[in-house]
């Protein structure tokens, strides 16, 4: 969800290409950058590239991002209602 939110807000996205499949959202080099999982040098190079190339940052930030979700995020993620999550975080009375 964070990748989608960042893209919709015009933030350049850098993500590890992990089993959660960010490659289904990010087109590497087109609207963001995917790096190998655990490769800190690849992350550093990608960040350096973004810092040194404002035109690339602008290009990625100008991409429209993925289309809006057609189902509520909780249905996609299997999460409870917001008030249920909040209640589960509260400490029991002493």
N, C-alpha and C. Protein backbone atom coordinates (compact mmCIF):
# COMPACT_ATOMS: atom_id res chain seq x y z
N UNK A 1 0.82 -1.19 0.00
CA UNK A 1 0.00 0.00 0.00
C UNK A 1 0.87 1.25 0.00
N UNK A 2 2.01 1.22 0.70
CA UNK A 2 2.86 2.40 0.78
C UNK A 2 3.39 2.79 -0.59
N UNK A 3 3.70 1.81 -1.42
CA UNK A 3 4.19 2.10 -2.77
C UNK A 3 3.11 2.83 -3.56
N UNK A 4 1.91 2.33 -3.51
CA UNK A 4 0.81 2.95 -4.24
C UNK A 4 0.57 4.37 -3.74
N UNK A 5 0.55 4.54 -2.43
CA UNK A 5 0.32 5.88 -1.86
C UNK A 5 1.43 6.84 -2.28
N UNK A 6 2.67 6.40 -2.23
CA UNK A 6 3.78 7.26 -2.62
C UNK A 6 3.66 7.66 -4.09
N UNK A 7 3.37 6.70 -4.94
CA UNK A 7 3.25 6.99 -6.37
C UNK A 7 2.11 7.96 -6.63
N UNK A 8 0.98 7.79 -5.95
CA UNK A 8 -0.16 8.68 -6.14
C UNK A 8 0.14 10.10 -5.66
N UNK A 9 1.10 10.22 -4.72
CA UNK A 9 1.48 11.54 -4.19
C UNK A 9 2.64 12.15 -4.97
N UNK A 10 3.11 11.48 -6.00
CA UNK A 10 4.18 12.02 -6.81
C UNK A 10 5.57 11.87 -6.20
N UNK A 11 5.75 10.85 -5.37
CA UNK A 11 7.04 10.59 -4.74
C UNK A 11 7.76 9.49 -5.53
N UNK A 12 9.03 9.71 -5.93
CA UNK A 12 9.76 8.64 -6.60
C UNK A 12 9.88 7.43 -5.69
N UNK A 13 9.72 6.24 -6.24
CA UNK A 13 9.68 5.03 -5.44
C UNK A 13 10.89 4.14 -5.73
N UNK A 14 11.52 3.70 -4.63
CA UNK A 14 12.62 2.75 -4.68
C UNK A 14 12.21 1.59 -3.78
N UNK A 15 12.24 0.36 -4.32
CA UNK A 15 11.75 -0.78 -3.55
C UNK A 15 12.60 -2.01 -3.83
N UNK A 16 12.76 -2.87 -2.81
CA UNK A 16 13.36 -4.17 -3.11
C UNK A 16 12.38 -5.01 -3.93
N UNK A 17 12.89 -5.79 -4.84
CA UNK A 17 12.05 -6.64 -5.65
C UNK A 17 11.81 -7.94 -4.89
N UNK A 18 10.95 -7.87 -3.90
CA UNK A 18 10.73 -8.95 -2.94
C UNK A 18 9.54 -9.82 -3.33
N UNK A 19 9.29 -10.88 -2.56
CA UNK A 19 8.16 -11.77 -2.85
C UNK A 19 6.78 -11.10 -2.78
N UNK A 20 6.70 -9.89 -2.22
CA UNK A 20 5.40 -9.20 -2.17
C UNK A 20 5.02 -8.59 -3.52
N UNK A 21 5.86 -8.78 -4.50
CA UNK A 21 5.63 -8.44 -5.91
C UNK A 21 5.45 -6.95 -6.20
N UNK A 22 6.37 -6.11 -5.76
CA UNK A 22 6.26 -4.70 -6.15
C UNK A 22 6.43 -4.50 -7.65
N UNK A 23 7.01 -5.50 -8.34
CA UNK A 23 7.17 -5.39 -9.79
C UNK A 23 5.83 -5.37 -10.51
N UNK A 24 4.76 -5.77 -9.83
CA UNK A 24 3.43 -5.66 -10.43
C UNK A 24 2.94 -4.22 -10.42
N UNK A 25 3.59 -3.37 -9.61
CA UNK A 25 3.19 -1.97 -9.49
C UNK A 25 4.21 -1.05 -10.13
N UNK A 26 5.49 -1.34 -9.91
CA UNK A 26 6.57 -0.49 -10.39
C UNK A 26 7.15 -1.07 -11.67
N UNK A 27 7.28 -0.24 -12.70
CA UNK A 27 8.00 -0.61 -13.91
C UNK A 27 9.41 -0.07 -13.74
N UNK A 28 10.37 -0.96 -13.50
CA UNK A 28 11.73 -0.56 -13.17
C UNK A 28 12.31 0.40 -14.21
N UNK A 29 12.73 1.56 -13.72
CA UNK A 29 13.33 2.57 -14.59
C UNK A 29 12.33 3.47 -15.28
N UNK A 30 11.04 3.13 -15.19
CA UNK A 30 10.00 3.94 -15.84
C UNK A 30 9.31 4.83 -14.81
N UNK A 31 8.81 4.23 -13.74
CA UNK A 31 8.12 5.02 -12.72
C UNK A 31 8.66 4.73 -11.31
N UNK A 32 9.82 4.11 -11.26
CA UNK A 32 10.46 3.80 -10.00
C UNK A 32 11.65 2.90 -10.23
N UNK A 33 12.24 2.43 -9.15
CA UNK A 33 13.40 1.55 -9.27
C UNK A 33 13.22 0.34 -8.37
N UNK A 34 13.48 -0.83 -8.92
CA UNK A 34 13.47 -2.08 -8.16
C UNK A 34 14.92 -2.53 -7.99
N UNK A 35 15.27 -2.92 -6.78
CA UNK A 35 16.62 -3.40 -6.51
C UNK A 35 16.53 -4.80 -5.92
N UNK A 36 17.60 -5.60 -6.06
CA UNK A 36 17.58 -6.94 -5.48
C UNK A 36 17.44 -6.90 -3.97
N UNK A 37 16.72 -7.84 -3.42
CA UNK A 37 16.52 -7.93 -1.98
C UNK A 37 17.87 -8.14 -1.30
N UNK A 38 18.13 -7.36 -0.26
CA UNK A 38 19.35 -7.51 0.53
C UNK A 38 20.59 -6.89 -0.07
N UNK A 39 20.49 -6.27 -1.23
CA UNK A 39 21.67 -5.68 -1.88
C UNK A 39 21.78 -4.20 -1.51
N UNK A 40 22.43 -3.94 -0.41
CA UNK A 40 22.53 -2.56 0.08
C UNK A 40 23.31 -1.67 -0.88
N UNK A 41 24.24 -2.26 -1.64
CA UNK A 41 24.99 -1.46 -2.60
C UNK A 41 24.09 -1.00 -3.75
N UNK A 42 23.17 -1.87 -4.16
CA UNK A 42 22.21 -1.50 -5.21
C UNK A 42 21.28 -0.39 -4.71
N UNK A 43 20.89 -0.47 -3.44
CA UNK A 43 20.05 0.59 -2.87
C UNK A 43 20.82 1.90 -2.86
N UNK A 44 22.07 1.85 -2.43
CA UNK A 44 22.90 3.06 -2.38
C UNK A 44 23.08 3.66 -3.78
N UNK A 45 23.35 2.81 -4.77
CA UNK A 45 23.51 3.31 -6.15
C UNK A 45 22.22 3.94 -6.66
N UNK A 46 21.10 3.28 -6.39
CA UNK A 46 19.81 3.81 -6.85
C UNK A 46 19.50 5.16 -6.19
N UNK A 47 19.79 5.27 -4.89
CA UNK A 47 19.59 6.55 -4.21
C UNK A 47 20.51 7.63 -4.76
N UNK A 48 21.77 7.27 -4.99
CA UNK A 48 22.71 8.23 -5.59
C UNK A 48 22.21 8.70 -6.95
N UNK A 49 21.72 7.76 -7.75
CA UNK A 49 21.19 8.12 -9.07
C UNK A 49 20.05 9.12 -8.94
N UNK A 50 19.15 8.88 -8.00
CA UNK A 50 18.03 9.80 -7.81
C UNK A 50 18.49 11.17 -7.32
N UNK A 51 19.46 11.18 -6.42
CA UNK A 51 19.96 12.44 -5.89
C UNK A 51 20.66 13.25 -6.99
N UNK A 52 21.43 12.56 -7.81
CA UNK A 52 22.24 13.24 -8.83
C UNK A 52 21.46 13.57 -10.10
N UNK A 53 20.28 13.03 -10.26
CA UNK A 53 19.53 13.23 -11.50
C UNK A 53 18.12 13.76 -11.22
N UNK A 54 18.02 15.09 -11.02
CA UNK A 54 16.70 15.66 -10.72
C UNK A 54 15.69 15.43 -11.85
N UNK A 55 16.16 15.35 -13.08
CA UNK A 55 15.24 15.11 -14.20
C UNK A 55 14.58 13.74 -14.06
N UNK A 56 15.36 12.73 -13.64
CA UNK A 56 14.80 11.39 -13.45
C UNK A 56 13.79 11.40 -12.31
N UNK A 57 14.13 12.08 -11.21
CA UNK A 57 13.18 12.18 -10.09
C UNK A 57 11.88 12.80 -10.57
N UNK A 58 11.99 13.86 -11.37
CA UNK A 58 10.80 14.53 -11.88
C UNK A 58 9.98 13.63 -12.79
N UNK A 59 10.66 12.86 -13.61
CA UNK A 59 9.97 11.94 -14.52
C UNK A 59 9.20 10.90 -13.73
N UNK A 60 9.84 10.29 -12.73
CA UNK A 60 9.16 9.28 -11.93
C UNK A 60 8.02 9.88 -11.15
N UNK A 61 8.25 11.07 -10.59
CA UNK A 61 7.22 11.71 -9.77
C UNK A 61 6.02 12.11 -10.62
N UNK A 62 6.23 12.37 -11.90
CA UNK A 62 5.14 12.81 -12.77
C UNK A 62 4.27 11.66 -13.27
N UNK A 63 4.71 10.42 -13.06
CA UNK A 63 3.91 9.28 -13.50
C UNK A 63 2.63 9.22 -12.69
N UNK A 64 1.53 8.82 -13.30
CA UNK A 64 0.26 8.82 -12.58
C UNK A 64 0.13 7.76 -11.51
N UNK A 65 0.98 6.75 -11.53
CA UNK A 65 0.86 5.67 -10.55
C UNK A 65 -0.20 4.68 -10.98
N UNK A 66 -0.40 3.66 -10.17
CA UNK A 66 -1.38 2.63 -10.52
C UNK A 66 -2.80 3.18 -10.43
N UNK A 67 -3.72 2.52 -11.10
CA UNK A 67 -5.12 2.98 -11.02
C UNK A 67 -5.66 2.85 -9.60
N UNK A 68 -6.67 3.62 -9.27
CA UNK A 68 -7.26 3.52 -7.92
C UNK A 68 -7.75 2.11 -7.62
N UNK A 69 -7.73 1.75 -6.36
CA UNK A 69 -8.21 0.44 -5.94
C UNK A 69 -9.71 0.34 -6.16
N UNK A 70 -10.17 -0.84 -6.52
CA UNK A 70 -11.60 -1.03 -6.74
C UNK A 70 -12.26 -1.69 -5.54
N UNK A 71 -11.47 -2.11 -4.57
CA UNK A 71 -12.01 -2.71 -3.35
C UNK A 71 -11.37 -2.02 -2.15
N UNK A 72 -12.04 -1.99 -1.02
CA UNK A 72 -11.43 -1.39 0.16
C UNK A 72 -10.14 -2.11 0.53
N UNK A 73 -9.10 -1.37 0.95
CA UNK A 73 -7.83 -2.01 1.30
C UNK A 73 -7.98 -3.13 2.31
N UNK A 74 -8.86 -3.01 3.30
CA UNK A 74 -8.99 -4.07 4.30
C UNK A 74 -9.45 -5.37 3.67
N UNK A 75 -10.26 -5.28 2.60
CA UNK A 75 -10.69 -6.50 1.92
C UNK A 75 -9.51 -7.15 1.20
N UNK A 76 -8.61 -6.32 0.68
CA UNK A 76 -7.45 -6.85 -0.03
C UNK A 76 -6.42 -7.42 0.94
N UNK A 77 -6.33 -6.84 2.10
CA UNK A 77 -5.29 -7.22 3.05
C UNK A 77 -5.79 -8.16 4.14
N UNK A 78 -7.09 -8.37 4.24
CA UNK A 78 -7.63 -9.22 5.27
C UNK A 78 -7.59 -8.59 6.65
N UNK A 79 -7.57 -7.27 6.71
CA UNK A 79 -7.51 -6.57 7.99
C UNK A 79 -8.92 -6.35 8.53
N UNK A 80 -8.99 -6.11 9.84
CA UNK A 80 -10.27 -5.80 10.47
C UNK A 80 -10.65 -4.35 10.24
N UNK A 81 -11.77 -3.98 10.80
CA UNK A 81 -12.21 -2.59 10.71
C UNK A 81 -11.28 -1.73 11.54
N UNK A 82 -11.11 -0.44 11.19
CA UNK A 82 -10.17 0.41 11.93
C UNK A 82 -10.41 0.42 13.43
N UNK A 83 -11.69 0.46 13.88
CA UNK A 83 -11.93 0.52 15.32
C UNK A 83 -11.53 -0.80 16.00
N UNK A 84 -11.63 -1.93 15.28
CA UNK A 84 -11.20 -3.20 15.86
C UNK A 84 -9.69 -3.24 16.04
N UNK A 85 -8.95 -2.69 15.06
CA UNK A 85 -7.50 -2.64 15.17
C UNK A 85 -7.11 -1.75 16.34
N UNK A 86 -7.77 -0.60 16.46
CA UNK A 86 -7.47 0.32 17.56
C UNK A 86 -7.75 -0.34 18.90
N UNK A 87 -8.87 -1.04 19.02
CA UNK A 87 -9.21 -1.69 20.28
C UNK A 87 -8.20 -2.78 20.63
N UNK A 88 -7.70 -3.49 19.64
CA UNK A 88 -6.75 -4.57 19.91
C UNK A 88 -5.41 -4.04 20.40
N UNK A 89 -5.10 -2.76 20.13
CA UNK A 89 -3.84 -2.17 20.56
C UNK A 89 -3.91 -1.60 21.96
N UNK A 90 -5.11 -1.44 22.48
CA UNK A 90 -5.26 -0.87 23.82
C UNK A 90 -4.84 -1.90 24.88
N UNK A 91 -4.24 -1.40 25.95
CA UNK A 91 -3.84 -2.28 27.04
C UNK A 91 -5.07 -2.67 27.84
N UNK A 92 -5.09 -3.90 28.36
CA UNK A 92 -6.23 -4.32 29.19
C UNK A 92 -6.22 -3.52 30.50
N UNK A 93 -7.39 -3.30 31.10
CA UNK A 93 -7.45 -2.56 32.36
C UNK A 93 -6.71 -3.31 33.47
N UNK A 94 -6.12 -2.55 34.38
CA UNK A 94 -5.38 -3.18 35.49
C UNK A 94 -6.19 -3.18 36.77
